[in-house]
C-alpha atoms as a PDB file:
ATOM      1  CA  MET A   1       8.099  30.261 -21.490  1.00  0.00           C
ATOM      2  CA  LYS A   2      10.980  31.474 -23.282  1.00  0.00           C
ATOM      3  CA  PRO A   3      13.405  28.554 -24.813  1.00  0.00           C
ATOM      4  CA  GLU A   4      17.023  28.777 -24.024  1.00  0.00           C
ATOM      5  CA  TYR A   5      17.924  27.686 -27.465  1.00  0.00           C
ATOM      6  CA  VAL A   6      17.531  29.147 -30.971  1.00  0.00           C
ATOM      7  CA  ASN A   7      14.808  27.465 -32.788  1.00  0.00           C
ATOM      8  CA  THR A   8      14.127  29.699 -35.670  1.00  0.00           C
ATOM      9  CA  PHE A   9      16.461  30.944 -38.781  1.00  0.00           C
ATOM     10  CA  ALA A  10      15.964  33.542 -41.324  1.00  0.00           C
ATOM     11  CA  LEU A  11      17.971  34.762 -44.185  1.00  0.00           C
ATOM     12  CA  ARG A  12      18.234  38.070 -45.705  1.00  0.00           C
ATOM     13  CA  LYS A  13      20.444  39.113 -48.576  1.00  0.00           C
ATOM     14  CA  VAL A  14      21.247  42.541 -50.186  1.00  0.00           C
ATOM     15  CA  LEU A  15      22.038  42.609 -53.918  1.00  0.00           C
ATOM     16  CA  ASP A  16      23.845  45.064 -55.868  1.00  0.00           C
ATOM     17  CA  LYS A  17      22.321  46.328 -59.284  1.00  0.00           C
ATOM     18  CA  GLU A  18      23.533  43.400 -61.244  1.00  0.00           C
ATOM     19  CA  ARG A  19      21.761  41.398 -58.673  1.00  0.00           C
ATOM     20  CA  GLU A  20      24.997  39.837 -57.193  1.00  0.00           C
ATOM     21  CA  VAL A  21      24.974  39.024 -53.599  1.00  0.00           C
ATOM     22  CA  LEU A  22      26.620  41.897 -51.435  1.00  0.00           C
ATOM     23  CA  GLU A  23      25.792  40.397 -48.147  1.00  0.00           C
ATOM     24  CA  ILE A  24      23.724  37.741 -46.436  1.00  0.00           C
ATOM     25  CA  THR A  25      22.267  38.151 -42.669  1.00  0.00           C
ATOM     26  CA  LEU A  26      21.573  35.085 -40.914  1.00  0.00           C
ATOM     27  CA  ASP A  27      19.100  36.021 -38.066  1.00  0.00           C
ATOM     28  CA  ALA A  28      18.687  33.556 -35.319  1.00  0.00           C
ATOM     29  CA  SER A  29      15.692  33.882 -32.950  1.00  0.00           C
ATOM     30  CA  HIS A  30      13.336  31.660 -30.883  1.00  0.00           C
ATOM     31  CA  LYS A  31       9.595  31.396 -30.774  1.00  0.00           C
ATOM     32  CA  TYR A  32       7.698  30.636 -28.058  1.00  0.00           C
ATOM     33  CA  MET A  33       3.882  30.820 -26.618  1.00  0.00           C
ATOM     34  CA  GLU A  34       3.635  33.736 -24.315  1.00  0.00           C
ATOM     35  CA  ASN A  35       0.696  33.766 -21.807  1.00  0.00           C
ATOM     36  CA  ASN A  36      -1.207  37.231 -21.620  1.00  0.00           C
ATOM     37  CA  VAL A  37      -3.924  38.289 -19.398  1.00  0.00           C
ATOM     38  CA  THR A  38      -6.749  39.831 -21.590  1.00  0.00           C
ATOM     39  CA  VAL A  39     -10.058  41.658 -20.150  1.00  0.00           C
ATOM     40  CA  THR A  40     -13.006  40.660 -21.774  1.00  0.00           C
ATOM     41  CA  ALA A  41     -16.683  40.957 -21.240  1.00  0.00           C
ATOM     42  CA  ASN A  42     -16.583  37.794 -19.509  1.00  0.00           C
ATOM     43  CA  GLY A  43     -13.980  38.997 -17.104  1.00  0.00           C
ATOM     44  CA  LEU A  44      -9.892  38.391 -17.113  1.00  0.00           C
ATOM     45  CA  GLU A  45      -8.697  35.116 -19.422  1.00  0.00           C
ATOM     46  CA  ASN A  46      -5.462  33.957 -19.863  1.00  0.00           C
ATOM     47  CA  VAL A  47      -4.417  33.894 -23.602  1.00  0.00           C
ATOM     48  CA  ALA A  48      -1.556  32.245 -24.980  1.00  0.00           C
ATOM     49  CA  THR A  49       0.087  34.534 -28.017  1.00  0.00           C
ATOM     50  CA  PRO A  50       3.042  33.716 -30.225  1.00  0.00           C
ATOM     51  CA  ALA A  51       6.193  35.588 -29.522  1.00  0.00           C
ATOM     52  CA  THR A  52       9.475  35.927 -30.978  1.00  0.00           C
ATOM     53  CA  ASP A  53      12.681  37.245 -29.662  1.00  0.00           C
ATOM     54  CA  LEU A  54      15.647  37.765 -32.249  1.00  0.00           C
ATOM     55  CA  VAL A  55      18.784  36.357 -30.310  1.00  0.00           C
ATOM     56  CA  ALA A  56      21.679  37.500 -33.006  1.00  0.00           C
ATOM     57  CA  SER A  57      22.195  38.664 -36.305  1.00  0.00           C
ATOM     58  CA  LEU A  58      25.256  37.472 -38.386  1.00  0.00           C
ATOM     59  CA  VAL A  59      26.270  39.402 -41.399  1.00  0.00           C
ATOM     60  CA  MET A  60      28.380  37.826 -43.768  1.00  0.00           C
ATOM     61  CA  ASN A  61      29.856  38.669 -46.982  1.00  0.00           C
ATOM     62  CA  ARG A  62      29.567  36.341 -50.007  1.00  0.00           C
ATOM     63  CA  GLN A  63      32.935  34.588 -49.323  1.00  0.00           C
ATOM     64  CA  THR A  64      32.010  33.804 -45.648  1.00  0.00           C
ATOM     65  CA  ALA A  65      28.441  32.735 -46.483  1.00  0.00           C
ATOM     66  CA  ILE A  66      30.275  30.176 -48.967  1.00  0.00           C
ATOM     67  CA  SER A  67      32.554  29.029 -46.023  1.00  0.00           C
ATOM     68  CA  LEU A  68      29.785  28.733 -43.587  1.00  0.00           C
ATOM     69  CA  ARG A  69      27.813  26.600 -46.287  1.00  0.00           C
ATOM     70  CA  ASN A  70      30.992  24.417 -46.647  1.00  0.00           C
ATOM     71  CA  LEU A  71      31.349  24.047 -43.092  1.00  0.00           C
ATOM     72  CA  LEU A  72      27.842  22.755 -42.588  1.00  0.00           C
ATOM     73  CA  ILE A  73      28.289  20.518 -45.456  1.00  0.00           C
ATOM     74  CA  GLN A  74      31.223  19.100 -43.987  1.00  0.00           C
ATOM     75  CA  THR A  75      29.702  18.474 -40.567  1.00  0.00           C
ATOM     76  CA  LEU A  76      26.651  17.040 -41.858  1.00  0.00           C
ATOM     77  CA  ASP A  77      28.577  14.813 -44.151  1.00  0.00           C
ATOM     78  CA  GLY A  78      27.152  11.165 -43.899  1.00  0.00           C
ATOM     79  CA  GLU A  79      24.093  12.080 -41.932  1.00  0.00           C
ATOM     80  CA  THR A  80      21.015  10.646 -42.756  1.00  0.00           C
END
């Protein structure tokens, strides 16, 4: 069953020749178990397999990524 929320995040970054960050992409996706029917020597079997759907990709320059980081820090300040 597909979730209705994002439960997985991944970061990708693009660097220049001097290894400075040019842009960062934040991928938001959800992982879930998908039921598939498989034909085997014993007949049909239901098999649960992992699946992932990409929900969104946010491309940010260095300053935007820093702003997002600061916003997260402010939001989570005082959390334990």
